[in-house]
Amino acid sequence: MREARESLTNSPLLAPTSCGLIEMLRDADALLELMGREPLGVVGTLAMQLTTCANDAGACEIADAASAVSRIASAREGAALAGAMQRLASAMSHAQRAYQLDAA
């Protein structure tokens, strides 16, 4: 647990608890990359922060996917985490595409 805490404090804050949709999507790739190499405890914490951020931004699909990642990581169900992370990546990609279409 100490290792996870130290890793979290050494990691950049990529999923702040309060942010806008644009900022969240801009950091999505870096956040997913970070989550892919961190211990489950850190992944759970980052996913919880992302859930809050997505809810604040009204990004329900991302919030639901991030919440699932948080639950799975917190339960130490590493085998199930890959599918949940894929769902989160897909939700973020979908939102990025939707934003780009709206911005055009």
PDB file of N, CA and C in Angstrom:
ATOM      1  N   MET A   1       0.818  -1.188   0.000  1.00  0.00           N
ATOM      2  CA  MET A   1       0.000   0.000   0.000  1.00  0.00           C
ATOM      3  C   MET A   1       0.862   1.253   0.000  1.00  0.00           C
ATOM      4  N   ARG A   2       1.976   1.180   0.753  1.00  0.00           N
ATOM      5  CA  ARG A   2       2.877   2.321   0.813  1.00  0.00           C
ATOM      6  C   ARG A   2       3.422   2.642  -0.571  1.00  0.00           C
ATOM      7  N   GLU A   3       3.758   1.596  -1.339  1.00  0.00           N
ATOM      8  CA  GLU A   3       4.271   1.783  -2.688  1.00  0.00           C
ATOM      9  C   GLU A   3       3.251   2.513  -3.564  1.00  0.00           C
ATOM     10  N   ALA A   4       1.988   2.131  -3.461  1.00  0.00           N
ATOM     11  CA  ALA A   4       0.940   2.773  -4.253  1.00  0.00           C
ATOM     12  C   ALA A   4       0.810   4.239  -3.868  1.00  0.00           C
ATOM     13  N   ARG A   5       0.867   4.542  -2.580  1.00  0.00           N
ATOM     14  CA  ARG A   5       0.760   5.912  -2.111  1.00  0.00           C
ATOM     15  C   ARG A   5       1.932   6.749  -2.623  1.00  0.00           C
ATOM     16  N   GLU A   6       3.144   6.192  -2.539  1.00  0.00           N
ATOM     17  CA  GLU A   6       4.321   6.911  -3.014  1.00  0.00           C
ATOM     18  C   GLU A   6       4.236   7.136  -4.515  1.00  0.00           C
ATOM     19  N   SER A   7       3.794   6.131  -5.244  1.00  0.00           N
ATOM     20  CA  SER A   7       3.676   6.253  -6.686  1.00  0.00           C
ATOM     21  C   SER A   7       2.660   7.329  -7.046  1.00  0.00           C
ATOM     22  N   LEU A   8       1.567   7.394  -6.309  1.00  0.00           N
ATOM     23  CA  LEU A   8       0.540   8.380  -6.575  1.00  0.00           C
ATOM     24  C   LEU A   8       1.064   9.783  -6.309  1.00  0.00           C
ATOM     25  N   THR A   9       1.805   9.960  -5.229  1.00  0.00           N
ATOM     26  CA  THR A   9       2.302  11.293  -4.925  1.00  0.00           C
ATOM     27  C   THR A   9       3.377  11.719  -5.904  1.00  0.00           C
ATOM     28  N   ASN A  10       4.064  10.776  -6.544  1.00  0.00           N
ATOM     29  CA  ASN A  10       5.086  11.110  -7.521  1.00  0.00           C
ATOM     30  C   ASN A  10       4.515  11.280  -8.922  1.00  0.00           C
ATOM     31  N   SER A  11       3.269  10.916  -9.121  1.00  0.00           N
ATOM     32  CA  SER A  11       2.637  11.010 -10.429  1.00  0.00           C
ATOM     33  C   SER A  11       2.043  12.399 -10.615  1.00  0.00           C
ATOM     34  N   PRO A  12       2.069  12.901 -11.837  1.00  0.00           N
ATOM     35  CA  PRO A  12       1.442  14.203 -12.081  1.00  0.00           C
ATOM     36  C   PRO A  12      -0.062  14.090 -11.930  1.00  0.00           C
ATOM     37  N   LEU A  13      -0.696  15.159 -11.514  1.00  0.00           N
ATOM     38  CA  LEU A  13      -2.148  15.164 -11.359  1.00  0.00           C
ATOM     39  C   LEU A  13      -2.764  15.346 -12.734  1.00  0.00           C
ATOM     40  N   LEU A  14      -3.192  14.238 -13.326  1.00  0.00           N
ATOM     41  CA  LEU A  14      -3.764  14.272 -14.664  1.00  0.00           C
ATOM     42  C   LEU A  14      -5.278  14.212 -14.639  1.00  0.00           C
ATOM     43  N   ALA A  15      -5.843  13.868 -13.513  1.00  0.00           N
ATOM     44  CA  ALA A  15      -7.298  13.776 -13.401  1.00  0.00           C
ATOM     45  C   ALA A  15      -7.739  14.603 -12.203  1.00  0.00           C
ATOM     46  N   PRO A  16      -7.720  15.926 -12.325  1.00  0.00           N
ATOM     47  CA  PRO A  16      -8.125  16.753 -11.193  1.00  0.00           C
ATOM     48  C   PRO A  16      -9.581  16.537 -10.862  1.00  0.00           C
ATOM     49  N   THR A  17      -9.962  16.834  -9.631  1.00  0.00           N
ATOM     50  CA  THR A  17     -11.331  16.588  -9.207  1.00  0.00           C
ATOM     51  C   THR A  17     -12.306  17.592  -9.799  1.00  0.00           C
ATOM     52  N   SER A  18     -11.827  18.682 -10.337  1.00  0.00           N
ATOM     53  CA  SER A  18     -12.709  19.657 -10.949  1.00  0.00           C
ATOM     54  C   SER A  18     -12.073  20.135 -12.249  1.00  0.00           C
ATOM     55  N   CYS A  19     -12.728  19.857 -13.373  1.00  0.00           N
ATOM     56  CA  CYS A  19     -12.168  20.283 -14.654  1.00  0.00           C
ATOM     57  C   CYS A  19     -13.277  20.338 -15.680  1.00  0.00           C
ATOM     58  N   GLY A  20     -12.941  20.893 -16.822  1.00  0.00           N
ATOM     59  CA  GLY A  20     -13.872  20.925 -17.928  1.00  0.00           C
ATOM     60  C   GLY A  20     -13.646  19.762 -18.861  1.00  0.00           C
ATOM     61  N   LEU A  21     -14.579  19.552 -19.736  1.00  0.00           N
ATOM     62  CA  LEU A  21     -14.507  18.430 -20.664  1.00  0.00           C
ATOM     63  C   LEU A  21     -13.274  18.519 -21.564  1.00  0.00           C
ATOM     64  N   ILE A  22     -12.956  19.692 -22.049  1.00  0.00           N
ATOM     65  CA  ILE A  22     -11.824  19.839 -22.965  1.00  0.00           C
ATOM     66  C   ILE A  22     -10.523  19.447 -22.283  1.00  0.00           C
ATOM     67  N   GLU A  23     -10.325  19.924 -21.067  1.00  0.00           N
ATOM     68  CA  GLU A  23      -9.105  19.598 -20.338  1.00  0.00           C
ATOM     69  C   GLU A  23      -9.010  18.098 -20.070  1.00  0.00           C
ATOM     70  N   MET A  24     -10.124  17.501 -19.698  1.00  0.00           N
ATOM     71  CA  MET A  24     -10.142  16.074 -19.413  1.00  0.00           C
ATOM     72  C   MET A  24      -9.766  15.270 -20.664  1.00  0.00           C
ATOM     73  N   LEU A  25     -10.324  15.637 -21.796  1.00  0.00           N
ATOM     74  CA  LEU A  25     -10.051  14.913 -23.027  1.00  0.00           C
ATOM     75  C   LEU A  25      -8.626  15.148 -23.523  1.00  0.00           C
ATOM     76  N   ARG A  26      -8.094  16.329 -23.291  1.00  0.00           N
ATOM     77  CA  ARG A  26      -6.714  16.619 -23.697  1.00  0.00           C
ATOM     78  C   ARG A  26      -5.735  15.735 -22.939  1.00  0.00           C
ATOM     79  N   ASP A  27      -6.031  15.444 -21.686  1.00  0.00           N
ATOM     80  CA  ASP A  27      -5.154  14.630 -20.847  1.00  0.00           C
ATOM     81  C   ASP A  27      -5.482  13.139 -20.899  1.00  0.00           C
ATOM     82  N   ALA A  28      -6.470  12.750 -21.679  1.00  0.00           N
ATOM     83  CA  ALA A  28      -6.960  11.371 -21.666  1.00  0.00           C
ATOM     84  C   ALA A  28      -5.874  10.354 -21.996  1.00  0.00           C
ATOM     85  N   ASP A  29      -5.126  10.577 -23.054  1.00  0.00           N
ATOM     86  CA  ASP A  29      -4.111   9.602 -23.455  1.00  0.00           C
ATOM     87  C   ASP A  29      -3.024   9.455 -22.391  1.00  0.00           C
ATOM     88  N   ALA A  30      -2.579  10.583 -21.844  1.00  0.00           N
ATOM     89  CA  ALA A  30      -1.548  10.540 -20.803  1.00  0.00           C
ATOM     90  C   ALA A  30      -2.072   9.840 -19.553  1.00  0.00           C
ATOM     91  N   LEU A  31      -3.321  10.096 -19.213  1.00  0.00           N
ATOM     92  CA  LEU A  31      -3.902   9.457 -18.035  1.00  0.00           C
ATOM     93  C   LEU A  31      -4.019   7.952 -18.229  1.00  0.00           C
ATOM     94  N   LEU A  32      -4.495   7.523 -19.390  1.00  0.00           N
ATOM     95  CA  LEU A  32      -4.628   6.088 -19.657  1.00  0.00           C
ATOM     96  C   LEU A  32      -3.260   5.409 -19.662  1.00  0.00           C
ATOM     97  N   GLU A  33      -2.265   6.084 -20.217  1.00  0.00           N
ATOM     98  CA  GLU A  33      -0.911   5.529 -20.216  1.00  0.00           C
ATOM     99  C   GLU A  33      -0.396   5.384 -18.783  1.00  0.00           C
ATOM    100  N   LEU A  34      -0.612   6.402 -17.976  1.00  0.00           N
ATOM    101  CA  LEU A  34      -0.191   6.351 -16.581  1.00  0.00           C
ATOM    102  C   LEU A  34      -0.898   5.220 -15.840  1.00  0.00           C
ATOM    103  N   MET A  35      -2.201   5.097 -16.042  1.00  0.00           N
ATOM    104  CA  MET A  35      -2.975   4.054 -15.367  1.00  0.00           C
ATOM    105  C   MET A  35      -2.498   2.662 -15.780  1.00  0.00           C
ATOM    106  N   GLY A  36      -2.011   2.534 -17.005  1.00  0.00           N
ATOM    107  CA  GLY A  36      -1.553   1.249 -17.500  1.00  0.00           C
ATOM    108  C   GLY A  36      -0.277   0.746 -16.843  1.00  0.00           C
ATOM    109  N   ARG A  37       0.456   1.628 -16.204  1.00  0.00           N
ATOM    110  CA  ARG A  37       1.719   1.194 -15.605  1.00  0.00           C
ATOM    111  C   ARG A  37       1.763   1.342 -14.085  1.00  0.00           C
ATOM    112  N   GLU A  38       0.678   1.756 -13.483  1.00  0.00           N
ATOM    113  CA  GLU A  38       0.637   1.957 -12.035  1.00  0.00           C
ATOM    114  C   GLU A  38       0.028   0.739 -11.328  1.00  0.00           C
ATOM    115  N   PRO A  39       0.314   0.585 -10.027  1.00  0.00           N
ATOM    116  CA  PRO A  39      -0.312  -0.483  -9.239  1.00  0.00           C
ATOM    117  C   PRO A  39      -1.834  -0.264  -9.143  1.00  0.00           C
ATOM    118  N   LEU A  40      -2.550  -1.337  -8.845  1.00  0.00           N
ATOM    119  CA  LEU A  40      -4.017  -1.270  -8.799  1.00  0.00           C
ATOM    120  C   LEU A  40      -4.542  -0.172  -7.868  1.00  0.00           C
ATOM    121  N   GLY A  41      -3.902   0.030  -6.737  1.00  0.00           N
ATOM    122  CA  GLY A  41      -4.368   1.062  -5.805  1.00  0.00           C
ATOM    123  C   GLY A  41      -4.321   2.450  -6.408  1.00  0.00           C
ATOM    124  N   VAL A  42      -3.275   2.722  -7.154  1.00  0.00           N
ATOM    125  CA  VAL A  42      -3.135   4.021  -7.816  1.00  0.00           C
ATOM    126  C   VAL A  42      -4.143   4.137  -8.949  1.00  0.00           C
ATOM    127  N   VAL A  43      -4.315   3.060  -9.700  1.00  0.00           N
ATOM    128  CA  VAL A  43      -5.300   3.053 -10.786  1.00  0.00           C
ATOM    129  C   VAL A  43      -6.688   3.363 -10.233  1.00  0.00           C
ATOM    130  N   GLY A  44      -7.032   2.751  -9.106  1.00  0.00           N
ATOM    131  CA  GLY A  44      -8.337   2.998  -8.493  1.00  0.00           C
ATOM    132  C   GLY A  44      -8.523   4.452  -8.098  1.00  0.00           C
ATOM    133  N   THR A  45      -7.481   5.047  -7.533  1.00  0.00           N
ATOM    134  CA  THR A  45      -7.552   6.449  -7.117  1.00  0.00           C
ATOM    135  C   THR A  45      -7.669   7.375  -8.318  1.00  0.00           C
ATOM    136  N   LEU A  46      -6.852   7.142  -9.339  1.00  0.00           N
ATOM    137  CA  LEU A  46      -6.933   7.968 -10.545  1.00  0.00           C
ATOM    138  C   LEU A  46      -8.299   7.837 -11.213  1.00  0.00           C
ATOM    139  N   ALA A  47      -8.808   6.624 -11.264  1.00  0.00           N
ATOM    140  CA  ALA A  47     -10.125   6.406 -11.877  1.00  0.00           C
ATOM    141  C   ALA A  47     -11.222   7.098 -11.074  1.00  0.00           C
ATOM    142  N   MET A  48     -11.093   7.117  -9.749  1.00  0.00           N
ATOM    143  CA  MET A  48     -12.076   7.804  -8.912  1.00  0.00           C
ATOM    144  C   MET A  48     -12.045   9.307  -9.203  1.00  0.00           C
ATOM    145  N   GLN A  49     -10.847   9.867  -9.338  1.00  0.00           N
ATOM    146  CA  GLN A  49     -10.713  11.288  -9.659  1.00  0.00           C
ATOM    147  C   GLN A  49     -11.286  11.577 -11.048  1.00  0.00           C
ATOM    148  N   LEU A  50     -11.030  10.684 -11.997  1.00  0.00           N
ATOM    149  CA  LEU A  50     -11.560  10.848 -13.342  1.00  0.00           C
ATOM    150  C   LEU A  50     -13.083  10.759 -13.341  1.00  0.00           C
ATOM    151  N   THR A  51     -13.633   9.876 -12.538  1.00  0.00           N
ATOM    152  CA  THR A  51     -15.090   9.767 -12.427  1.00  0.00           C
ATOM    153  C   THR A  51     -15.690  11.092 -11.979  1.00  0.00           C
ATOM    154  N   THR A  52     -15.096  11.695 -10.963  1.00  0.00           N
ATOM    155  CA  THR A  52     -15.576  12.982 -10.462  1.00  0.00           C
ATOM    156  C   THR A  52     -15.480  14.052 -11.531  1.00  0.00           C
ATOM    157  N   CYS A  53     -14.339  14.107 -12.207  1.00  0.00           N
ATOM    158  CA  CYS A  53     -14.117  15.089 -13.269  1.00  0.00           C
ATOM    159  C   CYS A  53     -15.138  14.908 -14.393  1.00  0.00           C
ATOM    160  N   ALA A  54     -15.340  13.671 -14.819  1.00  0.00           N
ATOM    161  CA  ALA A  54     -16.283  13.390 -15.907  1.00  0.00           C
ATOM    162  C   ALA A  54     -17.710  13.752 -15.493  1.00  0.00           C
ATOM    163  N   ASN A  55     -18.079  13.441 -14.266  1.00  0.00           N
ATOM    164  CA  ASN A  55     -19.408  13.827 -13.782  1.00  0.00           C
ATOM    165  C   ASN A  55     -19.567  15.339 -13.777  1.00  0.00           C
ATOM    166  N   ASP A  56     -18.533  16.050 -13.312  1.00  0.00           N
ATOM    167  CA  ASP A  56     -18.579  17.520 -13.299  1.00  0.00           C
ATOM    168  C   ASP A  56     -18.742  18.088 -14.697  1.00  0.00           C
ATOM    169  N   ALA A  57     -18.131  17.413 -15.688  1.00  0.00           N
ATOM    170  CA  ALA A  57     -18.168  17.877 -17.074  1.00  0.00           C
ATOM    171  C   ALA A  57     -19.409  17.384 -17.817  1.00  0.00           C
ATOM    172  N   GLY A  58     -20.192  16.521 -17.189  1.00  0.00           N
ATOM    173  CA  GLY A  58     -21.383  15.977 -17.836  1.00  0.00           C
ATOM    174  C   GLY A  58     -21.078  14.856 -18.816  1.00  0.00           C
ATOM    175  N   ALA A  59     -19.903  14.253 -18.699  1.00  0.00           N
ATOM    176  CA  ALA A  59     -19.490  13.161 -19.592  1.00  0.00           C
ATOM    177  C   ALA A  59     -19.859  11.831 -18.944  1.00  0.00           C
ATOM    178  N   CYS A  60     -21.128  11.468 -19.033  1.00  0.00           N
ATOM    179  CA  CYS A  60     -21.656  10.292 -18.330  1.00  0.00           C
ATOM    180  C   CYS A  60     -21.016   8.979 -18.772  1.00  0.00           C
ATOM    181  N   GLU A  61     -20.756   8.823 -20.066  1.00  0.00           N
ATOM    182  CA  GLU A  61     -20.166   7.575 -20.564  1.00  0.00           C
ATOM    183  C   GLU A  61     -18.767   7.377 -19.965  1.00  0.00           C
ATOM    184  N   ILE A  62     -17.999   8.453 -19.916  1.00  0.00           N
ATOM    185  CA  ILE A  62     -16.666   8.372 -19.322  1.00  0.00           C
ATOM    186  C   ILE A  62     -16.771   8.141 -17.827  1.00  0.00           C
ATOM    187  N   ALA A  63     -17.690   8.827 -17.168  1.00  0.00           N
ATOM    188  CA  ALA A  63     -17.864   8.664 -15.721  1.00  0.00           C
ATOM    189  C   ALA A  63     -18.224   7.224 -15.376  1.00  0.00           C
ATOM    190  N   ASP A  64     -19.127   6.625 -16.139  1.00  0.00           N
ATOM    191  CA  ASP A  64     -19.523   5.238 -15.879  1.00  0.00           C
ATOM    192  C   ASP A  64     -18.349   4.275 -16.079  1.00  0.00           C
ATOM    193  N   ALA A  65     -17.602   4.486 -17.160  1.00  0.00           N
ATOM    194  CA  ALA A  65     -16.462   3.614 -17.441  1.00  0.00           C
ATOM    195  C   ALA A  65     -15.364   3.789 -16.391  1.00  0.00           C
ATOM    196  N   ALA A  66     -15.089   5.024 -15.997  1.00  0.00           N
ATOM    197  CA  ALA A  66     -14.065   5.281 -14.978  1.00  0.00           C
ATOM    198  C   ALA A  66     -14.481   4.717 -13.630  1.00  0.00           C
ATOM    199  N   SER A  67     -15.758   4.791 -13.318  1.00  0.00           N
ATOM    200  CA  SER A  67     -16.263   4.227 -12.072  1.00  0.00           C
ATOM    201  C   SER A  67     -16.066   2.712 -12.040  1.00  0.00           C
ATOM    202  N   ALA A  68     -16.295   2.064 -13.175  1.00  0.00           N
ATOM    203  CA  ALA A  68     -16.074   0.614 -13.251  1.00  0.00           C
ATOM    204  C   ALA A  68     -14.601   0.277 -13.052  1.00  0.00           C
ATOM    205  N   VAL A  69     -13.707   1.059 -13.656  1.00  0.00           N
ATOM    206  CA  VAL A  69     -12.271   0.852 -13.471  1.00  0.00           C
ATOM    207  C   VAL A  69     -11.914   1.008 -12.003  1.00  0.00           C
ATOM    208  N   SER A  70     -12.455   2.034 -11.368  1.00  0.00           N
ATOM    209  CA  SER A  70     -12.169   2.271  -9.948  1.00  0.00           C
ATOM    210  C   SER A  70     -12.617   1.098  -9.084  1.00  0.00           C
ATOM    211  N   ARG A  71     -13.831   0.604  -9.329  1.00  0.00           N
ATOM    212  CA  ARG A  71     -14.357  -0.527  -8.548  1.00  0.00           C
ATOM    213  C   ARG A  71     -13.508  -1.772  -8.738  1.00  0.00           C
ATOM    214  N   ILE A  72     -13.160  -2.074  -9.974  1.00  0.00           N
ATOM    215  CA  ILE A  72     -12.383  -3.277 -10.264  1.00  0.00           C
ATOM    216  C   ILE A  72     -10.981  -3.177  -9.676  1.00  0.00           C
ATOM    217  N   ALA A  73     -10.349  -2.027  -9.843  1.00  0.00           N
ATOM    218  CA  ALA A  73      -9.002  -1.840  -9.302  1.00  0.00           C
ATOM    219  C   ALA A  73      -9.013  -1.896  -7.780  1.00  0.00           C
ATOM    220  N   SER A  74     -10.010  -1.294  -7.164  1.00  0.00           N
ATOM    221  CA  SER A  74     -10.107  -1.300  -5.707  1.00  0.00           C
ATOM    222  C   SER A  74     -10.349  -2.696  -5.157  1.00  0.00           C
ATOM    223  N   ALA A  75     -11.033  -3.527  -5.935  1.00  0.00           N
ATOM    224  CA  ALA A  75     -11.300  -4.907  -5.530  1.00  0.00           C
ATOM    225  C   ALA A  75     -10.122  -5.820  -5.875  1.00  0.00           C
ATOM    226  N   ARG A  76      -9.081  -5.255  -6.449  1.00  0.00           N
ATOM    227  CA  ARG A  76      -7.868  -6.003  -6.815  1.00  0.00           C
ATOM    228  C   ARG A  76      -8.169  -7.124  -7.811  1.00  0.00           C
ATOM    229  N   GLU A  77      -9.087  -6.845  -8.728  1.00  0.00           N
ATOM    230  CA  GLU A  77      -9.450  -7.817  -9.757  1.00  0.00           C
ATOM    231  C   GLU A  77      -8.699  -7.495 -11.041  1.00  0.00           C
ATOM    232  N   GLY A  78      -7.388  -7.696 -11.009  1.00  0.00           N
ATOM    233  CA  GLY A  78      -6.528  -7.338 -12.126  1.00  0.00           C
ATOM    234  C   GLY A  78      -6.938  -7.960 -13.446  1.00  0.00           C
ATOM    235  N   ALA A  79      -7.428  -9.186 -13.411  1.00  0.00           N
ATOM    236  CA  ALA A  79      -7.799  -9.876 -14.650  1.00  0.00           C
ATOM    237  C   ALA A  79      -8.956  -9.171 -15.360  1.00  0.00           C
ATOM    238  N   ALA A  80      -9.863  -8.590 -14.615  1.00  0.00           N
ATOM    239  CA  ALA A  80     -11.019  -7.911 -15.198  1.00  0.00           C
ATOM    240  C   ALA A  80     -10.708  -6.472 -15.591  1.00  0.00           C
ATOM    241  N   LEU A  81      -9.566  -5.978 -15.166  1.00  0.00           N
ATOM    242  CA  LEU A  81      -9.234  -4.568 -15.381  1.00  0.00           C
ATOM    243  C   LEU A  81      -9.017  -4.240 -16.855  1.00  0.00           C
ATOM    244  N   ALA A  82      -8.455  -5.156 -17.612  1.00  0.00           N
ATOM    245  CA  ALA A  82      -8.164  -4.878 -19.027  1.00  0.00           C
ATOM    246  C   ALA A  82      -9.428  -4.497 -19.791  1.00  0.00           C
ATOM    247  N   GLY A  83     -10.503  -5.240 -19.599  1.00  0.00           N
ATOM    248  CA  GLY A  83     -11.753  -4.924 -20.285  1.00  0.00           C
ATOM    249  C   GLY A  83     -12.322  -3.586 -19.864  1.00  0.00           C
ATOM    250  N   ALA A  84     -12.245  -3.282 -18.573  1.00  0.00           N
ATOM    251  CA  ALA A  84     -12.748  -2.009 -18.071  1.00  0.00           C
ATOM    252  C   ALA A  84     -11.914  -0.844 -18.592  1.00  0.00           C
ATOM    253  N   MET A  85     -10.596  -1.038 -18.670  1.00  0.00           N
ATOM    254  CA  MET A  85      -9.725   0.011 -19.206  1.00  0.00           C
ATOM    255  C   MET A  85     -10.002   0.227 -20.696  1.00  0.00           C
ATOM    256  N   GLN A  86     -10.278  -0.858 -21.405  1.00  0.00           N
ATOM    257  CA  GLN A  86     -10.606  -0.738 -22.826  1.00  0.00           C
ATOM    258  C   GLN A  86     -11.909   0.043 -22.996  1.00  0.00           C
ATOM    259  N   ARG A  87     -12.887  -0.229 -22.140  1.00  0.00           N
ATOM    260  CA  ARG A  87     -14.160   0.502 -22.190  1.00  0.00           C
ATOM    261  C   ARG A  87     -13.939   1.984 -21.896  1.00  0.00           C
ATOM    262  N   LEU A  88     -13.072   2.291 -20.935  1.00  0.00           N
ATOM    263  CA  LEU A  88     -12.766   3.676 -20.604  1.00  0.00           C
ATOM    264  C   LEU A  88     -12.070   4.369 -21.772  1.00  0.00           C
ATOM    265  N   ALA A  89     -11.099   3.698 -22.375  1.00  0.00           N
ATOM    266  CA  ALA A  89     -10.401   4.271 -23.528  1.00  0.00           C
ATOM    267  C   ALA A  89     -11.373   4.532 -24.676  1.00  0.00           C
ATOM    268  N   SER A  90     -12.294   3.612 -24.887  1.00  0.00           N
ATOM    269  CA  SER A  90     -13.288   3.771 -25.941  1.00  0.00           C
ATOM    270  C   SER A  90     -14.212   4.957 -25.653  1.00  0.00           C
ATOM    271  N   ALA A  91     -14.638   5.100 -24.414  1.00  0.00           N
ATOM    272  CA  ALA A  91     -15.509   6.217 -24.034  1.00  0.00           C
ATOM    273  C   ALA A  91     -14.796   7.554 -24.230  1.00  0.00           C
ATOM    274  N   MET A  92     -13.520   7.589 -23.878  1.00  0.00           N
ATOM    275  CA  MET A  92     -12.754   8.827 -24.047  1.00  0.00           C
ATOM    276  C   MET A  92     -12.549   9.139 -25.533  1.00  0.00           C
ATOM    277  N   SER A  93     -12.257   8.113 -26.311  1.00  0.00           N
ATOM    278  CA  SER A  93     -12.069   8.298 -27.750  1.00  0.00           C
ATOM    279  C   SER A  93     -13.372   8.781 -28.400  1.00  0.00           C
ATOM    280  N   HIS A  94     -14.468   8.202 -27.994  1.00  0.00           N
ATOM    281  CA  HIS A  94     -15.775   8.605 -28.521  1.00  0.00           C
ATOM    282  C   HIS A  94     -16.046  10.073 -28.205  1.00  0.00           C
ATOM    283  N   ALA A  95     -15.761  10.477 -26.989  1.00  0.00           N
ATOM    284  CA  ALA A  95     -15.979  11.874 -26.591  1.00  0.00           C
ATOM    285  C   ALA A  95     -15.036  12.807 -27.347  1.00  0.00           C
ATOM    286  N   GLN A  96     -13.799  12.384 -27.575  1.00  0.00           N
ATOM    287  CA  GLN A  96     -12.863  13.209 -28.335  1.00  0.00           C
ATOM    288  C   GLN A  96     -13.366  13.413 -29.764  1.00  0.00           C
ATOM    289  N   ARG A  97     -13.845  12.345 -30.384  1.00  0.00           N
ATOM    290  CA  ARG A  97     -14.377  12.461 -31.746  1.00  0.00           C
ATOM    291  C   ARG A  97     -15.606  13.354 -31.774  1.00  0.00           C
ATOM    292  N   ALA A  98     -16.491  13.196 -30.806  1.00  0.00           N
ATOM    293  CA  ALA A  98     -17.703  14.013 -30.761  1.00  0.00           C
ATOM    294  C   ALA A  98     -17.349  15.482 -30.589  1.00  0.00           C
ATOM    295  N   TYR A  99     -16.386  15.774 -29.746  1.00  0.00           N
ATOM    296  CA  TYR A  99     -15.981  17.155 -29.541  1.00  0.00           C
ATOM    297  C   TYR A  99     -15.400  17.734 -30.832  1.00  0.00           C
ATOM    298  N   GLN A 100     -14.565  16.976 -31.524  1.00  0.00           N
ATOM    299  CA  GLN A 100     -13.967  17.472 -32.757  1.00  0.00           C
ATOM    300  C   GLN A 100     -15.029  17.753 -33.809  1.00  0.00           C
ATOM    301  N   LEU A 101     -16.062  16.926 -33.864  1.00  0.00           N
ATOM    302  CA  LEU A 101     -17.152  17.170 -34.808  1.00  0.00           C
ATOM    303  C   LEU A 101     -17.904  18.428 -34.441  1.00  0.00           C
ATOM    304  N   ASP A 102     -18.131  18.641 -33.145  1.00  0.00           N
ATOM    305  CA  ASP A 102     -18.847  19.838 -32.698  1.00  0.00           C
ATOM    306  C   ASP A 102     -18.016  21.093 -32.899  1.00  0.00           C
ATOM    307  N   ALA A 103     -16.685  20.968 -32.815  1.00  0.00           N
ATOM    308  CA  ALA A 103     -15.806  22.130 -32.927  1.00  0.00           C
ATOM    309  C   ALA A 103     -15.642  22.573 -34.384  1.00  0.00           C
ATOM    310  N   ALA A 104     -15.920  21.665 -35.325  1.00  0.00           N
ATOM    311  CA  ALA A 104     -15.707  22.001 -36.734  1.00  0.00           C
ATOM    312  C   ALA A 104     -16.769  22.946 -37.251  1.00  0.00           C
TER     313      ALA A 104
END
